[in-house]
Amino acid sequence: MNDLSQSEFYILLSLAIKSRHGYEIMKQVEQDSGRKVLLGPGTLYGSIKRMLQSRLIQEVPGDNPRRKYYTLTENGRKSLSSELERYDNAVELAKRKNVFKNAGLVKLDL
């Protein structure tokens, strides 16, 4: 499995709880990232297109026929899980090596 881009990671994270349409994904990514990741329509729909082709997400019916809704596939769930494990391992390594303290960083309690 390839590492996800930052945009792809946050898109998968936003779909981990429920299916969403594009605008809802954009807003959820903005909220989840603390406004550090702001997806414009071009970035969002370019990422969605690649993720559909990679079978990380799929289109599903929603409550508004004028909007396209997306959900995670099993492959998308595995990819997100793998990425979260990679991040968790990196944070644990940084803690063991006192990187947070030595770099003057605030220690994260995840």
PDB file of N, CA and C in Angstrom:
ATOM      1  N   MET A   1       0.834  -1.190   0.000  1.00  0.00           N
ATOM      2  CA  MET A   1       0.000   0.000   0.000  1.00  0.00           C
ATOM      3  C   MET A   1       0.877   1.251   0.000  1.00  0.00           C
ATOM      4  N   ASN A   2       0.520   2.197  -0.811  1.00  0.00           N
ATOM      5  CA  ASN A   2       1.262   3.459  -0.862  1.00  0.00           C
ATOM      6  C   ASN A   2       0.824   4.364   0.276  1.00  0.00           C
ATOM      7  N   ASP A   3       1.750   5.234   0.704  1.00  0.00           N
ATOM      8  CA  ASP A   3       1.381   6.238   1.697  1.00  0.00           C
ATOM      9  C   ASP A   3       0.373   7.184   1.064  1.00  0.00           C
ATOM     10  N   LEU A   4      -0.538   7.652   1.868  1.00  0.00           N
ATOM     11  CA  LEU A   4      -1.562   8.580   1.395  1.00  0.00           C
ATOM     12  C   LEU A   4      -1.035  10.002   1.426  1.00  0.00           C
ATOM     13  N   SER A   5      -1.530  10.827   0.516  1.00  0.00           N
ATOM     14  CA  SER A   5      -1.239  12.252   0.603  1.00  0.00           C
ATOM     15  C   SER A   5      -2.025  12.794   1.796  1.00  0.00           C
ATOM     16  N   GLN A   6      -1.650  13.984   2.235  1.00  0.00           N
ATOM     17  CA  GLN A   6      -2.348  14.606   3.353  1.00  0.00           C
ATOM     18  C   GLN A   6      -3.843  14.760   3.042  1.00  0.00           C
ATOM     19  N   SER A   7      -4.157  15.189   1.830  1.00  0.00           N
ATOM     20  CA  SER A   7      -5.558  15.361   1.430  1.00  0.00           C
ATOM     21  C   SER A   7      -6.296  14.029   1.460  1.00  0.00           C
ATOM     22  N   GLU A   8      -5.682  13.000   0.899  1.00  0.00           N
ATOM     23  CA  GLU A   8      -6.322  11.683   0.865  1.00  0.00           C
ATOM     24  C   GLU A   8      -6.547  11.142   2.276  1.00  0.00           C
ATOM     25  N   PHE A   9      -5.556  11.323   3.130  1.00  0.00           N
ATOM     26  CA  PHE A   9      -5.693  10.864   4.515  1.00  0.00           C
ATOM     27  C   PHE A   9      -6.912  11.499   5.176  1.00  0.00           C
ATOM     28  N   TYR A  10      -7.019  12.814   5.089  1.00  0.00           N
ATOM     29  CA  TYR A  10      -8.134  13.505   5.740  1.00  0.00           C
ATOM     30  C   TYR A  10      -9.471  13.179   5.088  1.00  0.00           C
ATOM     31  N   ILE A  11      -9.481  12.941   3.781  1.00  0.00           N
ATOM     32  CA  ILE A  11     -10.725  12.545   3.111  1.00  0.00           C
ATOM     33  C   ILE A  11     -11.168  11.180   3.632  1.00  0.00           C
ATOM     34  N   LEU A  12     -10.246  10.216   3.695  1.00  0.00           N
ATOM     35  CA  LEU A  12     -10.598   8.896   4.224  1.00  0.00           C
ATOM     36  C   LEU A  12     -11.059   9.001   5.676  1.00  0.00           C
ATOM     37  N   LEU A  13     -10.374   9.814   6.458  1.00  0.00           N
ATOM     38  CA  LEU A  13     -10.756  10.004   7.854  1.00  0.00           C
ATOM     39  C   LEU A  13     -12.180  10.564   7.949  1.00  0.00           C
ATOM     40  N   SER A  14     -12.519  11.498   7.076  1.00  0.00           N
ATOM     41  CA  SER A  14     -13.864  12.088   7.107  1.00  0.00           C
ATOM     42  C   SER A  14     -14.941  11.074   6.718  1.00  0.00           C
ATOM     43  N   LEU A  15     -14.559  10.085   5.921  1.00  0.00           N
ATOM     44  CA  LEU A  15     -15.524   9.068   5.485  1.00  0.00           C
ATOM     45  C   LEU A  15     -15.546   7.848   6.396  1.00  0.00           C
ATOM     46  N   ALA A  16     -14.676   7.805   7.386  1.00  0.00           N
ATOM     47  CA  ALA A  16     -14.597   6.634   8.270  1.00  0.00           C
ATOM     48  C   ALA A  16     -15.849   6.487   9.134  1.00  0.00           C
ATOM     49  N   ILE A  17     -16.531   7.569   9.418  1.00  0.00           N
ATOM     50  CA  ILE A  17     -17.716   7.543  10.275  1.00  0.00           C
ATOM     51  C   ILE A  17     -18.993   7.363   9.462  1.00  0.00           C
ATOM     52  N   LYS A  18     -19.080   8.084   8.336  1.00  0.00           N
ATOM     53  CA  LYS A  18     -20.300   8.010   7.525  1.00  0.00           C
ATOM     54  C   LYS A  18     -20.020   8.461   6.096  1.00  0.00           C
ATOM     55  N   SER A  19     -20.939   8.145   5.208  1.00  0.00           N
ATOM     56  CA  SER A  19     -20.868   8.604   3.824  1.00  0.00           C
ATOM     57  C   SER A  19     -21.114  10.105   3.797  1.00  0.00           C
ATOM     58  N   ARG A  20     -20.437  10.784   2.868  1.00  0.00           N
ATOM     59  CA  ARG A  20     -20.582  12.242   2.770  1.00  0.00           C
ATOM     60  C   ARG A  20     -20.520  12.675   1.311  1.00  0.00           C
ATOM     61  N   HIS A  21     -21.075  13.845   1.040  1.00  0.00           N
ATOM     62  CA  HIS A  21     -20.934  14.459  -0.280  1.00  0.00           C
ATOM     63  C   HIS A  21     -19.744  15.416  -0.244  1.00  0.00           C
ATOM     64  N   GLY A  22     -19.333  15.898  -1.399  1.00  0.00           N
ATOM     65  CA  GLY A  22     -18.111  16.682  -1.530  1.00  0.00           C
ATOM     66  C   GLY A  22     -17.987  17.865  -0.590  1.00  0.00           C
ATOM     67  N   TYR A  23     -19.007  18.711  -0.540  1.00  0.00           N
ATOM     68  CA  TYR A  23     -18.924  19.893   0.317  1.00  0.00           C
ATOM     69  C   TYR A  23     -18.805  19.488   1.786  1.00  0.00           C
ATOM     70  N   GLU A  24     -19.526  18.445   2.163  1.00  0.00           N
ATOM     71  CA  GLU A  24     -19.469  17.965   3.548  1.00  0.00           C
ATOM     72  C   GLU A  24     -18.080  17.417   3.873  1.00  0.00           C
ATOM     73  N   ILE A  25     -17.459  16.750   2.903  1.00  0.00           N
ATOM     74  CA  ILE A  25     -16.082  16.267   3.078  1.00  0.00           C
ATOM     75  C   ILE A  25     -15.148  17.448   3.298  1.00  0.00           C
ATOM     76  N   MET A  26     -15.272  18.483   2.462  1.00  0.00           N
ATOM     77  CA  MET A  26     -14.409  19.668   2.595  1.00  0.00           C
ATOM     78  C   MET A  26     -14.520  20.275   3.984  1.00  0.00           C
ATOM     79  N   LYS A  27     -15.734  20.422   4.481  1.00  0.00           N
ATOM     80  CA  LYS A  27     -15.952  21.029   5.794  1.00  0.00           C
ATOM     81  C   LYS A  27     -15.410  20.131   6.914  1.00  0.00           C
ATOM     82  N   GLN A  28     -15.593  18.817   6.787  1.00  0.00           N
ATOM     83  CA  GLN A  28     -15.112  17.895   7.814  1.00  0.00           C
ATOM     84  C   GLN A  28     -13.586  17.883   7.857  1.00  0.00           C
ATOM     85  N   VAL A  29     -12.943  17.906   6.692  1.00  0.00           N
ATOM     86  CA  VAL A  29     -11.481  17.945   6.627  1.00  0.00           C
ATOM     87  C   VAL A  29     -10.968  19.218   7.285  1.00  0.00           C
ATOM     88  N   GLU A  30     -11.608  20.324   6.986  1.00  0.00           N
ATOM     89  CA  GLU A  30     -11.221  21.608   7.593  1.00  0.00           C
ATOM     90  C   GLU A  30     -11.317  21.527   9.115  1.00  0.00           C
ATOM     91  N   GLN A  31     -12.414  20.966   9.615  1.00  0.00           N
ATOM     92  CA  GLN A  31     -12.615  20.853  11.064  1.00  0.00           C
ATOM     93  C   GLN A  31     -11.610  19.870  11.676  1.00  0.00           C
ATOM     94  N   ASP A  32     -11.459  18.688  11.066  1.00  0.00           N
ATOM     95  CA  ASP A  32     -10.575  17.657  11.620  1.00  0.00           C
ATOM     96  C   ASP A  32      -9.118  18.097  11.663  1.00  0.00           C
ATOM     97  N   SER A  33      -8.719  18.912  10.705  1.00  0.00           N
ATOM     98  CA  SER A  33      -7.320  19.342  10.628  1.00  0.00           C
ATOM     99  C   SER A  33      -7.060  20.634  11.396  1.00  0.00           C
ATOM    100  N   GLY A  34      -8.057  21.143  12.066  1.00  0.00           N
ATOM    101  CA  GLY A  34      -7.891  22.416  12.766  1.00  0.00           C
ATOM    102  C   GLY A  34      -7.611  23.547  11.793  1.00  0.00           C
ATOM    103  N   ARG A  35      -8.224  23.492  10.638  1.00  0.00           N
ATOM    104  CA  ARG A  35      -8.089  24.470   9.544  1.00  0.00           C
ATOM    105  C   ARG A  35      -6.678  24.490   8.934  1.00  0.00           C
ATOM    106  N   LYS A  36      -5.893  23.449   9.165  1.00  0.00           N
ATOM    107  CA  LYS A  36      -4.555  23.380   8.554  1.00  0.00           C
ATOM    108  C   LYS A  36      -4.614  22.813   7.147  1.00  0.00           C
ATOM    109  N   VAL A  37      -5.672  22.059   6.850  1.00  0.00           N
ATOM    110  CA  VAL A  37      -5.878  21.515   5.508  1.00  0.00           C
ATOM    111  C   VAL A  37      -7.189  22.080   4.991  1.00  0.00           C
ATOM    112  N   LEU A  38      -7.087  22.962   4.006  1.00  0.00           N
ATOM    113  CA  LEU A  38      -8.257  23.569   3.388  1.00  0.00           C
ATOM    114  C   LEU A  38      -8.295  23.098   1.938  1.00  0.00           C
ATOM    115  N   LEU A  39      -9.261  22.268   1.617  1.00  0.00           N
ATOM    116  CA  LEU A  39      -9.363  21.700   0.278  1.00  0.00           C
ATOM    117  C   LEU A  39     -10.229  22.580  -0.605  1.00  0.00           C
ATOM    118  N   GLY A  40      -9.671  23.027  -1.703  1.00  0.00           N
ATOM    119  CA  GLY A  40     -10.472  23.694  -2.708  1.00  0.00           C
ATOM    120  C   GLY A  40     -11.154  22.635  -3.560  1.00  0.00           C
ATOM    121  N   PRO A  41     -12.138  23.041  -4.369  1.00  0.00           N
ATOM    122  CA  PRO A  41     -12.850  22.060  -5.194  1.00  0.00           C
ATOM    123  C   PRO A  41     -11.932  21.263  -6.125  1.00  0.00           C
ATOM    124  N   GLY A  42     -10.939  21.905  -6.710  1.00  0.00           N
ATOM    125  CA  GLY A  42     -10.027  21.201  -7.622  1.00  0.00           C
ATOM    126  C   GLY A  42      -9.242  20.114  -6.922  1.00  0.00           C
ATOM    127  N   THR A  43      -8.698  20.441  -5.761  1.00  0.00           N
ATOM    128  CA  THR A  43      -7.939  19.457  -4.979  1.00  0.00           C
ATOM    129  C   THR A  43      -8.853  18.341  -4.503  1.00  0.00           C
ATOM    130  N   LEU A  44     -10.025  18.703  -3.977  1.00  0.00           N
ATOM    131  CA  LEU A  44     -10.959  17.704  -3.467  1.00  0.00           C
ATOM    132  C   LEU A  44     -11.371  16.730  -4.567  1.00  0.00           C
ATOM    133  N   TYR A  45     -11.853  17.256  -5.683  1.00  0.00           N
ATOM    134  CA  TYR A  45     -12.391  16.364  -6.714  1.00  0.00           C
ATOM    135  C   TYR A  45     -11.287  15.642  -7.483  1.00  0.00           C
ATOM    136  N   GLY A  46     -10.091  16.224  -7.546  1.00  0.00           N
ATOM    137  CA  GLY A  46      -8.950  15.505  -8.111  1.00  0.00           C
ATOM    138  C   GLY A  46      -8.579  14.323  -7.231  1.00  0.00           C
ATOM    139  N   SER A  47      -8.567  14.542  -5.918  1.00  0.00           N
ATOM    140  CA  SER A  47      -8.280  13.466  -4.962  1.00  0.00           C
ATOM    141  C   SER A  47      -9.367  12.405  -5.021  1.00  0.00           C
ATOM    142  N   ILE A  48     -10.626  12.826  -5.056  1.00  0.00           N
ATOM    143  CA  ILE A  48     -11.741  11.870  -5.123  1.00  0.00           C
ATOM    144  C   ILE A  48     -11.622  11.014  -6.379  1.00  0.00           C
ATOM    145  N   LYS A  49     -11.295  11.635  -7.509  1.00  0.00           N
ATOM    146  CA  LYS A  49     -11.158  10.879  -8.761  1.00  0.00           C
ATOM    147  C   LYS A  49     -10.068   9.805  -8.624  1.00  0.00           C
ATOM    148  N   ARG A  50      -8.906  10.189  -8.086  1.00  0.00           N
ATOM    149  CA  ARG A  50      -7.810   9.222  -7.900  1.00  0.00           C
ATOM    150  C   ARG A  50      -8.205   8.126  -6.917  1.00  0.00           C
ATOM    151  N   MET A  51      -8.905   8.502  -5.858  1.00  0.00           N
ATOM    152  CA  MET A  51      -9.289   7.535  -4.843  1.00  0.00           C
ATOM    153  C   MET A  51     -10.365   6.577  -5.351  1.00  0.00           C
ATOM    154  N   LEU A  52     -11.240   7.046  -6.233  1.00  0.00           N
ATOM    155  CA  LEU A  52     -12.211   6.162  -6.880  1.00  0.00           C
ATOM    156  C   LEU A  52     -11.478   5.162  -7.777  1.00  0.00           C
ATOM    157  N   GLN A  53     -10.509   5.654  -8.548  1.00  0.00           N
ATOM    158  CA  GLN A  53      -9.735   4.778  -9.438  1.00  0.00           C
ATOM    159  C   GLN A  53      -8.920   3.755  -8.649  1.00  0.00           C
ATOM    160  N   SER A  54      -8.420   4.148  -7.489  1.00  0.00           N
ATOM    161  CA  SER A  54      -7.641   3.248  -6.634  1.00  0.00           C
ATOM    162  C   SER A  54      -8.533   2.349  -5.776  1.00  0.00           C
ATOM    163  N   ARG A  55      -9.835   2.557  -5.872  1.00  0.00           N
ATOM    164  CA  ARG A  55     -10.820   1.782  -5.110  1.00  0.00           C
ATOM    165  C   ARG A  55     -10.678   1.941  -3.598  1.00  0.00           C
ATOM    166  N   LEU A  56     -10.282   3.145  -3.191  1.00  0.00           N
ATOM    167  CA  LEU A  56     -10.247   3.468  -1.766  1.00  0.00           C
ATOM    168  C   LEU A  56     -11.622   3.928  -1.296  1.00  0.00           C
ATOM    169  N   ILE A  57     -12.379   4.533  -2.205  1.00  0.00           N
ATOM    170  CA  ILE A  57     -13.734   4.999  -1.931  1.00  0.00           C
ATOM    171  C   ILE A  57     -14.629   4.574  -3.083  1.00  0.00           C
ATOM    172  N   GLN A  58     -15.928   4.658  -2.837  1.00  0.00           N
ATOM    173  CA  GLN A  58     -16.887   4.385  -3.904  1.00  0.00           C
ATOM    174  C   GLN A  58     -18.068   5.336  -3.767  1.00  0.00           C
ATOM    175  N   GLU A  59     -18.752   5.546  -4.874  1.00  0.00           N
ATOM    176  CA  GLU A  59     -19.932   6.389  -4.860  1.00  0.00           C
ATOM    177  C   GLU A  59     -21.112   5.561  -4.358  1.00  0.00           C
ATOM    178  N   VAL A  60     -21.948   6.184  -3.533  1.00  0.00           N
ATOM    179  CA  VAL A  60     -23.121   5.507  -2.980  1.00  0.00           C
ATOM    180  C   VAL A  60     -24.328   6.445  -3.074  1.00  0.00           C
ATOM    181  N   PRO A  61     -25.529   5.881  -3.034  1.00  0.00           N
ATOM    182  CA  PRO A  61     -26.716   6.746  -3.042  1.00  0.00           C
ATOM    183  C   PRO A  61     -26.786   7.564  -1.753  1.00  0.00           C
ATOM    184  N   GLY A  62     -27.335   8.760  -1.874  1.00  0.00           N
ATOM    185  CA  GLY A  62     -27.492   9.626  -0.705  1.00  0.00           C
ATOM    186  C   GLY A  62     -28.905  10.159  -0.641  1.00  0.00           C
ATOM    187  N   ASP A  63     -29.154  11.073   0.285  1.00  0.00           N
ATOM    188  CA  ASP A  63     -30.508  11.604   0.458  1.00  0.00           C
ATOM    189  C   ASP A  63     -30.834  12.742  -0.500  1.00  0.00           C
ATOM    190  N   ASN A  64     -29.851  13.195  -1.273  1.00  0.00           N
ATOM    191  CA  ASN A  64     -30.072  14.262  -2.246  1.00  0.00           C
ATOM    192  C   ASN A  64     -29.563  13.778  -3.600  1.00  0.00           C
ATOM    193  N   PRO A  65     -30.453  13.530  -4.552  1.00  0.00           N
ATOM    194  CA  PRO A  65     -30.022  12.988  -5.843  1.00  0.00           C
ATOM    195  C   PRO A  65     -29.145  13.939  -6.667  1.00  0.00           C
ATOM    196  N   ARG A  66     -29.100  15.207  -6.305  1.00  0.00           N
ATOM    197  CA  ARG A  66     -28.252  16.160  -7.032  1.00  0.00           C
ATOM    198  C   ARG A  66     -26.809  16.123  -6.562  1.00  0.00           C
ATOM    199  N   ARG A  67     -26.525  15.434  -5.481  1.00  0.00           N
ATOM    200  CA  ARG A  67     -25.167  15.358  -4.937  1.00  0.00           C
ATOM    201  C   ARG A  67     -24.630  13.943  -5.063  1.00  0.00           C
ATOM    202  N   LYS A  68     -23.303  13.853  -5.213  1.00  0.00           N
ATOM    203  CA  LYS A  68     -22.638  12.556  -5.214  1.00  0.00           C
ATOM    204  C   LYS A  68     -22.127  12.289  -3.808  1.00  0.00           C
ATOM    205  N   TYR A  69     -22.438  11.135  -3.295  1.00  0.00           N
ATOM    206  CA  TYR A  69     -22.000  10.725  -1.964  1.00  0.00           C
ATOM    207  C   TYR A  69     -20.936   9.646  -2.100  1.00  0.00           C
ATOM    208  N   TYR A  70     -20.017   9.632  -1.139  1.00  0.00           N
ATOM    209  CA  TYR A  70     -18.897   8.691  -1.175  1.00  0.00           C
ATOM    210  C   TYR A  70     -18.779   7.983   0.164  1.00  0.00           C
ATOM    211  N   THR A  71     -18.259   6.776   0.116  1.00  0.00           N
ATOM    212  CA  THR A  71     -18.004   5.998   1.319  1.00  0.00           C
ATOM    213  C   THR A  71     -16.699   5.231   1.142  1.00  0.00           C
ATOM    214  N   LEU A  72     -16.144   4.763   2.248  1.00  0.00           N
ATOM    215  CA  LEU A  72     -14.921   3.969   2.186  1.00  0.00           C
ATOM    216  C   LEU A  72     -15.222   2.571   1.647  1.00  0.00           C
ATOM    217  N   THR A  73     -14.300   2.026   0.907  1.00  0.00           N
ATOM    218  CA  THR A  73     -14.343   0.617   0.539  1.00  0.00           C
ATOM    219  C   THR A  73     -13.532  -0.135   1.582  1.00  0.00           C
ATOM    220  N   GLU A  74     -13.533  -1.453   1.496  1.00  0.00           N
ATOM    221  CA  GLU A  74     -12.699  -2.247   2.401  1.00  0.00           C
ATOM    222  C   GLU A  74     -11.233  -1.876   2.203  1.00  0.00           C
ATOM    223  N   ASN A  75     -10.835  -1.657   0.959  1.00  0.00           N
ATOM    224  CA  ASN A  75      -9.464  -1.243   0.650  1.00  0.00           C
ATOM    225  C   ASN A  75      -9.157   0.117   1.274  1.00  0.00           C
ATOM    226  N   GLY A  76     -10.121   1.018   1.257  1.00  0.00           N
ATOM    227  CA  GLY A  76      -9.954   2.332   1.882  1.00  0.00           C
ATOM    228  C   GLY A  76      -9.800   2.227   3.388  1.00  0.00           C
ATOM    229  N   ARG A  77     -10.575   1.349   4.010  1.00  0.00           N
ATOM    230  CA  ARG A  77     -10.461   1.144   5.460  1.00  0.00           C
ATOM    231  C   ARG A  77      -9.090   0.579   5.817  1.00  0.00           C
ATOM    232  N   LYS A  78      -8.613  -0.365   5.033  1.00  0.00           N
ATOM    233  CA  LYS A  78      -7.293  -0.952   5.284  1.00  0.00           C
ATOM    234  C   LYS A  78      -6.198   0.093   5.108  1.00  0.00           C
ATOM    235  N   SER A  79      -6.334   0.909   4.088  1.00  0.00           N
ATOM    236  CA  SER A  79      -5.342   1.948   3.824  1.00  0.00           C
ATOM    237  C   SER A  79      -5.311   2.974   4.947  1.00  0.00           C
ATOM    238  N   LEU A  80      -6.485   3.403   5.412  1.00  0.00           N
ATOM    239  CA  LEU A  80      -6.563   4.355   6.519  1.00  0.00           C
ATOM    240  C   LEU A  80      -5.982   3.741   7.783  1.00  0.00           C
ATOM    241  N   SER A  81      -6.330   2.507   8.058  1.00  0.00           N
ATOM    242  CA  SER A  81      -5.816   1.817   9.243  1.00  0.00           C
ATOM    243  C   SER A  81      -4.294   1.718   9.200  1.00  0.00           C
ATOM    244  N   SER A  82      -3.758   1.386   8.046  1.00  0.00           N
ATOM    245  CA  SER A  82      -2.313   1.278   7.872  1.00  0.00           C
ATOM    246  C   SER A  82      -1.626   2.621   8.107  1.00  0.00           C
ATOM    247  N   GLU A  83      -2.227   3.676   7.593  1.00  0.00           N
ATOM    248  CA  GLU A  83      -1.664   5.019   7.756  1.00  0.00           C
ATOM    249  C   GLU A  83      -1.717   5.460   9.220  1.00  0.00           C
ATOM    250  N   LEU A  84      -2.829   5.179   9.892  1.00  0.00           N
ATOM    251  CA  LEU A  84      -2.943   5.529  11.306  1.00  0.00           C
ATOM    252  C   LEU A  84      -1.926   4.754  12.144  1.00  0.00           C
ATOM    253  N   GLU A  85      -1.707   3.499  11.805  1.00  0.00           N
ATOM    254  CA  GLU A  85      -0.702   2.703  12.517  1.00  0.00           C
ATOM    255  C   GLU A  85       0.697   3.275  12.287  1.00  0.00           C
ATOM    256  N   ARG A  86       0.962   3.697  11.061  1.00  0.00           N
ATOM    257  CA  ARG A  86       2.266   4.299  10.741  1.00  0.00           C
ATOM    258  C   ARG A  86       2.482   5.573  11.562  1.00  0.00           C
ATOM    259  N   TYR A  87       1.451   6.424  11.641  1.00  0.00           N
ATOM    260  CA  TYR A  87       1.555   7.648  12.436  1.00  0.00           C
ATOM    261  C   TYR A  87       1.750   7.317  13.915  1.00  0.00           C
ATOM    262  N   ASP A  88       0.984   6.356  14.414  1.00  0.00           N
ATOM    263  CA  ASP A  88       1.098   5.961  15.810  1.00  0.00           C
ATOM    264  C   ASP A  88       2.511   5.459  16.118  1.00  0.00           C
ATOM    265  N   ASN A  89       3.068   4.646  15.235  1.00  0.00           N
ATOM    266  CA  ASN A  89       4.428   4.144  15.425  1.00  0.00           C
ATOM    267  C   ASN A  89       5.448   5.278  15.434  1.00  0.00           C
ATOM    268  N   ALA A  90       5.254   6.266  14.561  1.00  0.00           N
ATOM    269  CA  ALA A  90       6.172   7.405  14.497  1.00  0.00           C
ATOM    270  C   ALA A  90       6.122   8.226  15.781  1.00  0.00           C
ATOM    271  N   VAL A  91       4.922   8.442  16.318  1.00  0.00           N
ATOM    272  CA  VAL A  91       4.777   9.203  17.560  1.00  0.00           C
ATOM    273  C   VAL A  91       5.397   8.433  18.721  1.00  0.00           C
ATOM    274  N   GLU A  92       5.167   7.131  18.785  1.00  0.00           N
ATOM    275  CA  GLU A  92       5.761   6.314  19.856  1.00  0.00           C
ATOM    276  C   GLU A  92       7.288   6.349  19.784  1.00  0.00           C
ATOM    277  N   LEU A  93       7.852   6.274  18.590  1.00  0.00           N
ATOM    278  CA  LEU A  93       9.299   6.351  18.423  1.00  0.00           C
ATOM    279  C   LEU A  93       9.815   7.712  18.903  1.00  0.00           C
ATOM    280  N   ALA A  94       9.123   8.775  18.517  1.00  0.00           N
ATOM    281  CA  ALA A  94       9.524  10.123  18.932  1.00  0.00           C
ATOM    282  C   ALA A  94       9.479  10.260  20.457  1.00  0.00           C
ATOM    283  N   LYS A  95       8.485   9.659  21.088  1.00  0.00           N
ATOM    284  CA  LYS A  95       8.394   9.695  22.549  1.00  0.00           C
ATOM    285  C   LYS A  95       9.566   8.941  23.178  1.00  0.00           C
ATOM    286  N   ARG A  96       9.860   7.745  22.671  1.00  0.00           N
ATOM    287  CA  ARG A  96      10.958   6.941  23.221  1.00  0.00           C
ATOM    288  C   ARG A  96      12.300   7.646  23.088  1.00  0.00           C
ATOM    289  N   LYS A  97      12.465   8.423  22.036  1.00  0.00           N
ATOM    290  CA  LYS A  97      13.729   9.115  21.803  1.00  0.00           C
ATOM    291  C   LYS A  97      13.721  10.538  22.371  1.00  0.00           C
ATOM    292  N   ASN A  98      12.673  10.876  23.112  1.00  0.00           N
ATOM    293  CA  ASN A  98      12.532  12.217  23.719  1.00  0.00           C
ATOM    294  C   ASN A  98      12.607  13.343  22.696  1.00  0.00           C
ATOM    295  N   VAL A  99      12.128  13.078  21.509  1.00  0.00           N
ATOM    296  CA  VAL A  99      12.162  14.097  20.453  1.00  0.00           C
ATOM    297  C   VAL A  99      11.311  15.299  20.829  1.00  0.00           C
ATOM    298  N   PHE A 100      10.178  15.058  21.454  1.00  0.00           N
ATOM    299  CA  PHE A 100       9.308  16.174  21.817  1.00  0.00           C
ATOM    300  C   PHE A 100      10.017  17.110  22.795  1.00  0.00           C
ATOM    301  N   LYS A 101      10.632  16.538  23.813  1.00  0.00           N
ATOM    302  CA  LYS A 101      11.337  17.328  24.824  1.00  0.00           C
ATOM    303  C   LYS A 101      12.574  17.999  24.233  1.00  0.00           C
ATOM    304  N   ASN A 102      13.379  17.247  23.490  1.00  0.00           N
ATOM    305  CA  ASN A 102      14.631  17.761  22.936  1.00  0.00           C
ATOM    306  C   ASN A 102      14.417  18.835  21.865  1.00  0.00           C
ATOM    307  N   ALA A 103      13.303  18.758  21.181  1.00  0.00           N
ATOM    308  CA  ALA A 103      13.026  19.741  20.138  1.00  0.00           C
ATOM    309  C   ALA A 103      12.192  20.907  20.656  1.00  0.00           C
ATOM    310  N   GLY A 104      11.879  20.873  21.944  1.00  0.00           N
ATOM    311  CA  GLY A 104      11.065  21.941  22.518  1.00  0.00           C
ATOM    312  C   GLY A 104       9.620  21.857  22.069  1.00  0.00           C
ATOM    313  N   LEU A 105       9.193  20.663  21.659  1.00  0.00           N
ATOM    314  CA  LEU A 105       7.829  20.476  21.193  1.00  0.00           C
ATOM    315  C   LEU A 105       6.931  20.081  22.349  1.00  0.00           C
ATOM    316  N   VAL A 106       5.671  20.388  22.223  1.00  0.00           N
ATOM    317  CA  VAL A 106       4.685  19.990  23.206  1.00  0.00           C
ATOM    318  C   VAL A 106       4.422  18.504  23.009  1.00  0.00           C
ATOM    319  N   LYS A 107       4.429  17.761  24.068  1.00  0.00           N
ATOM    320  CA  LYS A 107       4.174  16.323  24.003  1.00  0.00           C
ATOM    321  C   LYS A 107       2.690  16.101  23.732  1.00  0.00           C
ATOM    322  N   LEU A 108       2.419  15.270  22.756  1.00  0.00           N
ATOM    323  CA  LEU A 108       1.046  14.935  22.410  1.00  0.00           C
ATOM    324  C   LEU A 108       0.579  13.737  23.210  1.00  0.00           C
ATOM    325  N   ASP A 109      -0.588  13.807  23.749  1.00  0.00           N
ATOM    326  CA  ASP A 109      -1.193  12.661  24.418  1.00  0.00           C
ATOM    327  C   ASP A 109      -2.262  12.112  23.513  1.00  0.00           C
ATOM    328  N   LEU A 110      -1.884  11.139  22.698  1.00  0.00           N
ATOM    329  CA  LEU A 110      -2.823  10.567  21.738  1.00  0.00           C
ATOM    330  C   LEU A 110      -3.495   9.330  22.276  1.00  0.00           C
TER     331      LEU A 110
END
